[in-house]
């Protein structure tokens, strides 16, 4: 059984794979055992363009009900371009714009939950510290707002 947060993360990966319209980009979730080598390999194999969906982080919960029930979840999508390997034409800014279009105001599905993913109103894109060697990157910040309940263990 996976957590509701990993289900949200997987739903974002699937949404990007369906709607991104960048055949040269590889979309990954950040749950790899050896993340650095997986990202490095993906950057190289995808002609230099990788979309990495980082782990969602709860920001606000409904305190009056059991659960927990998450009301606000922060989600970051990192766009990485290897400048030496990317020959696909679509670069960092094009990919960041397409990710923003695919996810902004998206109604995310989740078992026992509903909500809307929104691009952060202030500083929606930032530069991460320490991107992959030979690459440039942008972090795109989203807020999942709604109600996502953690189910009781069986």
N, C-alpha and C. Protein backbone atom coordinates (compact mmCIF):
# COMPACT_ATOMS: atom_id res chain seq x y z
N UNK A 1 0.84 -1.18 0.00
CA UNK A 1 0.00 0.00 0.00
C UNK A 1 0.88 1.24 0.00
N UNK A 2 0.64 2.14 -0.92
CA UNK A 2 1.45 3.35 -0.98
C UNK A 2 0.74 4.48 -0.23
N UNK A 3 1.52 5.48 0.17
CA UNK A 3 0.96 6.60 0.90
C UNK A 3 0.15 7.49 -0.03
N UNK A 4 -0.74 8.29 0.54
CA UNK A 4 -1.54 9.20 -0.28
C UNK A 4 -0.65 10.25 -0.94
N UNK A 5 0.44 10.61 -0.28
CA UNK A 5 1.35 11.59 -0.88
C UNK A 5 2.08 11.00 -2.08
N UNK A 6 2.48 9.73 -1.99
CA UNK A 6 3.13 9.11 -3.16
C UNK A 6 2.12 8.88 -4.28
N UNK A 7 0.84 8.66 -3.93
CA UNK A 7 -0.19 8.55 -4.96
C UNK A 7 -0.37 9.88 -5.69
N UNK A 8 -0.33 10.98 -4.93
CA UNK A 8 -0.39 12.30 -5.56
C UNK A 8 0.81 12.51 -6.47
N UNK A 9 2.00 12.15 -5.99
CA UNK A 9 3.22 12.30 -6.77
C UNK A 9 3.13 11.48 -8.07
N UNK A 10 2.64 10.25 -7.98
CA UNK A 10 2.49 9.41 -9.17
C UNK A 10 1.47 9.99 -10.14
N UNK A 11 0.38 10.57 -9.61
CA UNK A 11 -0.62 11.19 -10.46
C UNK A 11 -0.03 12.38 -11.22
N UNK A 12 0.85 13.14 -10.57
CA UNK A 12 1.50 14.27 -11.24
C UNK A 12 2.42 13.76 -12.34
N UNK A 13 3.19 12.71 -12.07
CA UNK A 13 4.06 12.13 -13.09
C UNK A 13 3.23 11.69 -14.30
N UNK A 14 2.12 11.00 -14.05
CA UNK A 14 1.27 10.53 -15.15
C UNK A 14 0.66 11.70 -15.93
N UNK A 15 0.23 12.74 -15.22
CA UNK A 15 -0.32 13.93 -15.88
C UNK A 15 0.72 14.56 -16.81
N UNK A 16 1.95 14.67 -16.31
CA UNK A 16 3.01 15.26 -17.14
C UNK A 16 3.35 14.38 -18.33
N UNK A 17 3.37 13.08 -18.13
CA UNK A 17 3.66 12.18 -19.25
C UNK A 17 2.59 12.27 -20.33
N UNK A 18 1.34 12.50 -19.93
CA UNK A 18 0.23 12.62 -20.89
C UNK A 18 0.20 13.98 -21.59
N UNK A 19 0.48 15.06 -20.85
CA UNK A 19 0.20 16.40 -21.36
C UNK A 19 1.42 17.24 -21.70
N UNK A 20 2.61 16.77 -21.44
CA UNK A 20 3.78 17.62 -21.56
C UNK A 20 4.11 18.01 -23.00
N UNK A 21 3.87 17.13 -23.97
CA UNK A 21 4.14 17.41 -25.38
C UNK A 21 5.62 17.72 -25.63
N UNK A 22 6.49 17.07 -24.89
CA UNK A 22 7.93 17.17 -25.13
C UNK A 22 8.46 15.75 -25.24
N UNK A 23 8.59 15.25 -26.45
CA UNK A 23 8.99 13.86 -26.64
C UNK A 23 10.40 13.61 -26.13
N UNK A 24 11.21 14.65 -26.02
CA UNK A 24 12.59 14.47 -25.59
C UNK A 24 12.77 14.47 -24.08
N UNK A 25 11.70 14.71 -23.32
CA UNK A 25 11.82 14.81 -21.86
C UNK A 25 11.47 13.49 -21.19
N UNK A 26 12.21 13.19 -20.13
CA UNK A 26 11.92 12.05 -19.29
C UNK A 26 11.34 12.57 -17.99
N UNK A 27 10.21 11.98 -17.54
CA UNK A 27 9.56 12.39 -16.31
C UNK A 27 9.77 11.31 -15.26
N UNK A 28 10.30 11.71 -14.10
CA UNK A 28 10.61 10.77 -13.02
C UNK A 28 10.04 11.26 -11.70
N UNK A 29 9.75 10.31 -10.80
CA UNK A 29 9.42 10.65 -9.41
C UNK A 29 10.70 10.50 -8.59
N UNK A 30 10.81 11.26 -7.52
CA UNK A 30 12.04 11.29 -6.73
C UNK A 30 12.11 10.20 -5.67
N UNK A 31 11.73 9.02 -5.89
CA UNK A 31 11.80 8.00 -4.86
C UNK A 31 12.90 6.97 -5.13
N UNK A 32 13.82 7.28 -6.01
CA UNK A 32 14.86 6.33 -6.36
C UNK A 32 15.84 6.13 -5.20
N UNK A 33 16.40 4.93 -5.12
CA UNK A 33 17.39 4.65 -4.09
C UNK A 33 18.64 5.49 -4.33
N UNK A 34 19.09 5.52 -5.56
CA UNK A 34 20.27 6.31 -5.91
C UNK A 34 19.84 7.41 -6.87
N UNK A 35 19.25 8.46 -6.32
CA UNK A 35 18.63 9.51 -7.13
C UNK A 35 19.62 10.19 -8.05
N UNK A 36 20.80 10.52 -7.56
CA UNK A 36 21.76 11.26 -8.38
C UNK A 36 22.12 10.53 -9.66
N UNK A 37 22.38 9.23 -9.56
CA UNK A 37 22.76 8.49 -10.77
C UNK A 37 21.56 8.30 -11.69
N UNK A 38 20.35 8.17 -11.13
CA UNK A 38 19.16 8.02 -11.97
C UNK A 38 18.90 9.32 -12.73
N UNK A 39 19.02 10.45 -12.07
CA UNK A 39 18.82 11.73 -12.74
C UNK A 39 19.88 11.95 -13.80
N UNK A 40 21.14 11.65 -13.46
CA UNK A 40 22.24 11.81 -14.42
C UNK A 40 22.01 10.96 -15.66
N UNK A 41 21.59 9.71 -15.47
CA UNK A 41 21.33 8.83 -16.61
C UNK A 41 20.14 9.34 -17.43
N UNK A 42 19.11 9.81 -16.76
CA UNK A 42 17.93 10.31 -17.48
C UNK A 42 18.27 11.57 -18.27
N UNK A 43 19.06 12.44 -17.69
CA UNK A 43 19.45 13.66 -18.40
C UNK A 43 20.21 13.29 -19.66
N UNK A 44 21.12 12.34 -19.57
CA UNK A 44 21.89 11.92 -20.73
C UNK A 44 21.03 11.20 -21.76
N UNK A 45 20.16 10.27 -21.31
CA UNK A 45 19.39 9.46 -22.25
C UNK A 45 18.24 10.23 -22.88
N UNK A 46 17.77 11.28 -22.24
CA UNK A 46 16.62 12.02 -22.77
C UNK A 46 17.07 13.25 -23.55
N UNK A 47 18.19 13.17 -24.18
CA UNK A 47 18.72 14.29 -24.94
C UNK A 47 18.88 15.53 -24.08
N UNK A 48 19.06 15.30 -22.80
CA UNK A 48 19.39 16.40 -21.91
C UNK A 48 18.26 17.07 -21.20
N UNK A 49 17.03 16.55 -21.25
CA UNK A 49 15.90 17.21 -20.60
C UNK A 49 15.19 16.23 -19.67
N UNK A 50 15.16 16.57 -18.37
CA UNK A 50 14.54 15.71 -17.37
C UNK A 50 13.58 16.52 -16.51
N UNK A 51 12.42 15.95 -16.22
CA UNK A 51 11.43 16.54 -15.33
C UNK A 51 11.36 15.63 -14.12
N UNK A 52 11.67 16.17 -12.95
CA UNK A 52 11.74 15.39 -11.72
C UNK A 52 10.67 15.90 -10.76
N UNK A 53 9.71 15.04 -10.40
CA UNK A 53 8.66 15.39 -9.46
C UNK A 53 9.16 15.02 -8.06
N UNK A 54 9.42 16.05 -7.25
CA UNK A 54 9.96 15.83 -5.91
C UNK A 54 8.85 15.39 -4.95
N UNK A 55 9.26 14.93 -3.77
CA UNK A 55 8.30 14.43 -2.78
C UNK A 55 7.36 15.54 -2.31
N UNK A 56 6.04 15.30 -2.33
CA UNK A 56 5.09 16.28 -1.79
C UNK A 56 5.26 16.42 -0.28
N UNK A 57 5.00 17.63 0.23
CA UNK A 57 5.16 17.90 1.66
C UNK A 57 3.89 18.56 2.19
N UNK A 58 3.26 17.96 3.20
CA UNK A 58 2.06 18.59 3.78
C UNK A 58 2.42 19.94 4.42
N UNK A 59 1.55 20.93 4.24
CA UNK A 59 1.75 22.26 4.81
C UNK A 59 0.66 22.65 5.79
N UNK A 60 -0.56 22.10 5.59
CA UNK A 60 -1.66 22.45 6.49
C UNK A 60 -2.59 21.25 6.59
N UNK A 61 -3.06 20.96 7.81
CA UNK A 61 -3.97 19.83 8.03
C UNK A 61 -5.25 20.33 8.69
N UNK A 62 -6.30 19.52 8.57
CA UNK A 62 -7.55 19.78 9.27
C UNK A 62 -7.37 19.23 10.68
N UNK A 63 -7.28 20.12 11.66
CA UNK A 63 -6.93 19.69 13.02
C UNK A 63 -8.11 19.13 13.81
N UNK A 64 -9.34 19.32 13.35
CA UNK A 64 -10.51 18.91 14.12
C UNK A 64 -11.04 17.53 13.74
N UNK A 65 -10.38 16.85 12.81
CA UNK A 65 -10.86 15.52 12.39
C UNK A 65 -9.71 14.52 12.45
N UNK A 66 -10.03 13.23 12.67
CA UNK A 66 -8.96 12.22 12.66
C UNK A 66 -8.43 12.06 11.24
N UNK A 67 -7.31 11.43 11.14
CA UNK A 67 -6.77 11.23 9.80
C UNK A 67 -5.29 10.95 9.80
N UNK A 68 -4.51 11.87 9.43
CA UNK A 68 -4.76 13.29 9.16
C UNK A 68 -5.44 13.51 7.81
N UNK A 69 -6.02 14.70 7.69
CA UNK A 69 -6.56 15.17 6.43
C UNK A 69 -5.72 16.37 6.02
N UNK A 70 -5.02 16.24 4.91
CA UNK A 70 -4.16 17.32 4.42
C UNK A 70 -5.00 18.31 3.62
N UNK A 71 -4.92 19.58 3.96
CA UNK A 71 -5.65 20.63 3.25
C UNK A 71 -4.76 21.38 2.26
N UNK A 72 -3.46 21.38 2.52
CA UNK A 72 -2.52 22.08 1.65
C UNK A 72 -1.22 21.28 1.59
N UNK A 73 -0.77 21.02 0.37
CA UNK A 73 0.43 20.22 0.15
C UNK A 73 1.33 20.98 -0.82
N UNK A 74 2.60 21.12 -0.45
CA UNK A 74 3.58 21.75 -1.34
C UNK A 74 4.17 20.67 -2.25
N UNK A 75 4.30 21.00 -3.52
CA UNK A 75 4.87 20.07 -4.50
C UNK A 75 5.80 20.84 -5.41
N UNK A 76 7.01 20.33 -5.57
CA UNK A 76 8.00 20.97 -6.44
C UNK A 76 8.32 20.05 -7.61
N UNK A 77 8.35 20.63 -8.80
CA UNK A 77 8.76 19.91 -10.00
C UNK A 77 10.04 20.56 -10.48
N UNK A 78 11.10 19.77 -10.58
CA UNK A 78 12.40 20.27 -11.03
C UNK A 78 12.59 19.95 -12.51
N UNK A 79 12.90 20.97 -13.28
CA UNK A 79 13.20 20.81 -14.71
C UNK A 79 14.72 20.95 -14.85
N UNK A 80 15.35 19.93 -15.44
CA UNK A 80 16.81 19.91 -15.57
C UNK A 80 17.17 19.79 -17.05
N UNK A 81 18.04 20.67 -17.50
CA UNK A 81 18.53 20.58 -18.88
C UNK A 81 20.04 20.42 -18.87
N UNK A 82 20.52 19.37 -19.50
CA UNK A 82 21.95 19.20 -19.70
C UNK A 82 22.28 19.93 -21.00
N UNK A 83 22.97 21.05 -20.87
CA UNK A 83 23.22 21.91 -22.03
C UNK A 83 24.06 21.22 -23.10
N UNK A 84 24.95 20.33 -22.71
CA UNK A 84 25.82 19.65 -23.68
C UNK A 84 25.10 18.54 -24.42
N UNK A 85 24.12 17.91 -23.77
CA UNK A 85 23.45 16.76 -24.37
C UNK A 85 22.12 17.11 -25.03
N UNK A 86 21.56 18.27 -24.73
CA UNK A 86 20.23 18.60 -25.25
C UNK A 86 20.32 19.14 -26.67
N UNK A 87 19.88 18.33 -27.61
CA UNK A 87 19.85 18.76 -29.00
C UNK A 87 18.42 18.71 -29.55
N UNK A 88 17.45 18.66 -28.66
CA UNK A 88 16.06 18.47 -29.07
C UNK A 88 15.36 19.77 -29.46
N UNK A 89 15.97 20.90 -29.18
CA UNK A 89 15.33 22.17 -29.51
C UNK A 89 14.58 22.77 -28.33
N UNK A 90 13.83 21.98 -27.60
CA UNK A 90 13.11 22.48 -26.42
C UNK A 90 14.09 22.55 -25.26
N UNK A 91 14.22 23.73 -24.69
CA UNK A 91 15.15 23.91 -23.60
C UNK A 91 14.46 24.08 -22.27
N UNK A 92 15.20 24.57 -21.31
CA UNK A 92 14.75 24.71 -19.93
C UNK A 92 13.48 25.56 -19.82
N UNK A 93 13.46 26.72 -20.44
CA UNK A 93 12.31 27.62 -20.30
C UNK A 93 11.06 27.07 -20.98
N UNK A 94 11.22 26.46 -22.15
CA UNK A 94 10.07 25.85 -22.83
C UNK A 94 9.50 24.73 -21.97
N UNK A 95 10.37 23.88 -21.43
CA UNK A 95 9.90 22.78 -20.59
C UNK A 95 9.21 23.30 -19.33
N UNK A 96 9.77 24.32 -18.70
CA UNK A 96 9.17 24.89 -17.49
C UNK A 96 7.80 25.49 -17.80
N UNK A 97 7.67 26.15 -18.94
CA UNK A 97 6.37 26.70 -19.31
C UNK A 97 5.35 25.60 -19.57
N UNK A 98 5.76 24.53 -20.21
CA UNK A 98 4.83 23.43 -20.50
C UNK A 98 4.42 22.68 -19.23
N UNK A 99 5.36 22.50 -18.30
CA UNK A 99 5.02 21.88 -17.01
C UNK A 99 4.01 22.77 -16.29
N UNK A 100 4.25 24.07 -16.29
CA UNK A 100 3.34 25.01 -15.64
C UNK A 100 1.94 24.92 -16.26
N UNK A 101 1.86 24.87 -17.59
CA UNK A 101 0.57 24.76 -18.27
C UNK A 101 -0.13 23.45 -17.94
N UNK A 102 0.62 22.36 -17.88
CA UNK A 102 0.02 21.04 -17.65
C UNK A 102 -0.50 20.88 -16.23
N UNK A 103 0.08 21.58 -15.27
CA UNK A 103 -0.29 21.36 -13.87
C UNK A 103 -1.09 22.48 -13.22
N UNK A 104 -0.97 23.71 -13.72
CA UNK A 104 -1.67 24.83 -13.09
C UNK A 104 -3.18 24.68 -13.26
N UNK A 105 -3.91 24.69 -12.14
CA UNK A 105 -5.36 24.52 -12.06
C UNK A 105 -5.82 23.13 -12.46
N UNK A 106 -4.93 22.15 -12.34
CA UNK A 106 -5.28 20.76 -12.62
C UNK A 106 -6.00 20.18 -11.41
N UNK A 107 -7.17 19.57 -11.64
CA UNK A 107 -7.90 18.87 -10.59
C UNK A 107 -7.28 17.50 -10.40
N UNK A 108 -6.55 17.33 -9.31
CA UNK A 108 -5.82 16.09 -9.10
C UNK A 108 -6.72 15.03 -8.47
N UNK A 109 -6.63 13.81 -9.00
CA UNK A 109 -7.42 12.71 -8.46
C UNK A 109 -6.66 12.00 -7.35
N UNK A 110 -7.39 11.59 -6.33
CA UNK A 110 -6.77 10.82 -5.26
C UNK A 110 -7.86 10.03 -4.56
N UNK A 111 -7.54 8.82 -4.13
CA UNK A 111 -8.53 8.05 -3.39
C UNK A 111 -8.87 8.78 -2.09
N UNK A 112 -10.14 9.03 -1.86
CA UNK A 112 -10.55 9.72 -0.64
C UNK A 112 -10.18 11.18 -0.63
N UNK A 113 -9.93 11.77 -1.80
CA UNK A 113 -9.52 13.17 -1.82
C UNK A 113 -9.87 13.87 -3.10
N UNK A 114 -9.77 15.17 -3.04
CA UNK A 114 -10.01 16.00 -4.21
C UNK A 114 -9.26 17.30 -4.01
N UNK A 115 -8.97 17.98 -5.07
CA UNK A 115 -8.29 19.25 -4.93
C UNK A 115 -7.81 19.81 -6.25
N UNK A 116 -7.17 20.96 -6.15
CA UNK A 116 -6.64 21.66 -7.32
C UNK A 116 -5.17 21.95 -7.08
N UNK A 117 -4.37 21.71 -8.10
CA UNK A 117 -2.96 22.05 -8.05
C UNK A 117 -2.80 23.43 -8.68
N UNK A 118 -2.12 24.33 -7.97
CA UNK A 118 -1.93 25.69 -8.46
C UNK A 118 -0.45 26.05 -8.42
N UNK A 119 -0.01 26.77 -9.42
CA UNK A 119 1.34 27.32 -9.41
C UNK A 119 1.40 28.38 -8.30
N UNK A 120 2.47 28.41 -7.55
CA UNK A 120 2.62 29.39 -6.46
C UNK A 120 2.47 30.80 -7.01
N UNK A 121 1.77 31.65 -6.26
CA UNK A 121 1.52 33.02 -6.71
C UNK A 121 2.78 33.87 -6.72
N UNK A 122 3.64 33.70 -5.73
CA UNK A 122 4.89 34.46 -5.68
C UNK A 122 6.06 33.50 -5.82
N UNK A 123 7.05 33.91 -6.55
CA UNK A 123 8.24 33.08 -6.82
C UNK A 123 7.87 31.67 -7.28
N UNK A 124 7.09 31.56 -8.35
CA UNK A 124 6.69 30.22 -8.80
C UNK A 124 7.84 29.40 -9.35
N UNK A 125 8.87 30.06 -9.86
CA UNK A 125 10.05 29.36 -10.37
C UNK A 125 11.26 29.90 -9.63
N UNK A 126 12.10 28.99 -9.15
CA UNK A 126 13.36 29.38 -8.51
C UNK A 126 14.47 28.47 -9.03
N UNK A 127 15.70 28.90 -8.81
CA UNK A 127 16.86 28.08 -9.18
C UNK A 127 17.27 27.26 -7.97
N UNK A 128 17.35 25.93 -8.13
CA UNK A 128 17.75 25.09 -7.00
C UNK A 128 19.25 25.21 -6.74
N UNK A 129 19.63 24.90 -5.53
CA UNK A 129 21.07 24.88 -5.23
C UNK A 129 21.62 23.52 -5.64
N UNK A 130 22.78 23.53 -6.22
CA UNK A 130 23.47 22.30 -6.58
C UNK A 130 22.82 21.43 -7.62
N UNK A 131 22.48 21.98 -8.82
CA UNK A 131 21.93 21.09 -9.85
C UNK A 131 22.97 20.10 -10.34
N UNK A 132 22.51 19.15 -11.13
CA UNK A 132 23.38 18.12 -11.69
C UNK A 132 24.53 18.76 -12.47
N UNK A 133 25.70 18.14 -12.40
CA UNK A 133 26.88 18.68 -13.09
C UNK A 133 26.58 18.92 -14.57
N UNK A 134 27.02 20.07 -15.09
CA UNK A 134 26.86 20.39 -16.50
C UNK A 134 25.43 20.72 -16.90
N UNK A 135 24.58 20.99 -15.92
CA UNK A 135 23.17 21.22 -16.23
C UNK A 135 22.69 22.52 -15.60
N UNK A 136 21.58 23.00 -16.11
CA UNK A 136 20.86 24.12 -15.50
C UNK A 136 19.50 23.58 -15.07
N UNK A 137 18.93 24.21 -14.05
CA UNK A 137 17.68 23.68 -13.52
C UNK A 137 16.79 24.80 -12.99
N UNK A 138 15.50 24.53 -12.97
CA UNK A 138 14.51 25.40 -12.35
C UNK A 138 13.60 24.53 -11.50
N UNK A 139 13.25 25.04 -10.31
CA UNK A 139 12.24 24.40 -9.48
C UNK A 139 10.94 25.15 -9.67
N UNK A 140 9.88 24.42 -10.00
CA UNK A 140 8.54 24.99 -10.18
C UNK A 140 7.73 24.62 -8.95
N UNK A 141 7.19 25.61 -8.26
CA UNK A 141 6.52 25.38 -6.98
C UNK A 141 5.01 25.43 -7.14
N UNK A 142 4.36 24.36 -6.67
CA UNK A 142 2.91 24.23 -6.75
C UNK A 142 2.33 24.01 -5.37
N UNK A 143 1.06 24.37 -5.21
CA UNK A 143 0.30 24.10 -3.99
C UNK A 143 -0.89 23.23 -4.38
N UNK A 144 -1.01 22.09 -3.72
CA UNK A 144 -2.19 21.25 -3.87
C UNK A 144 -3.13 21.65 -2.74
N UNK A 145 -4.28 22.21 -3.10
CA UNK A 145 -5.25 22.64 -2.12
C UNK A 145 -6.49 21.79 -2.27
N UNK A 146 -7.03 21.35 -1.15
CA UNK A 146 -8.23 20.53 -1.19
C UNK A 146 -8.33 19.71 0.08
N UNK A 147 -8.65 18.46 -0.09
CA UNK A 147 -8.82 17.57 1.06
C UNK A 147 -8.30 16.20 0.68
N UNK A 148 -7.22 15.78 1.31
CA UNK A 148 -6.62 14.49 1.03
C UNK A 148 -6.50 13.73 2.34
N UNK A 149 -7.34 12.73 2.53
CA UNK A 149 -7.40 11.99 3.80
C UNK A 149 -6.51 10.76 3.75
N UNK A 150 -5.79 10.54 4.85
CA UNK A 150 -4.99 9.33 5.00
C UNK A 150 -5.91 8.23 5.49
N UNK A 151 -6.05 7.11 4.75
CA UNK A 151 -6.98 6.07 5.17
C UNK A 151 -6.50 5.32 6.41
N UNK A 152 -7.45 4.78 7.15
CA UNK A 152 -7.15 3.95 8.31
C UNK A 152 -6.43 2.68 7.86
N UNK A 153 -5.41 2.22 8.63
CA UNK A 153 -4.75 0.97 8.27
C UNK A 153 -5.71 -0.21 8.42
N UNK A 154 -5.55 -1.19 7.57
CA UNK A 154 -6.43 -2.37 7.60
C UNK A 154 -5.79 -3.50 8.33
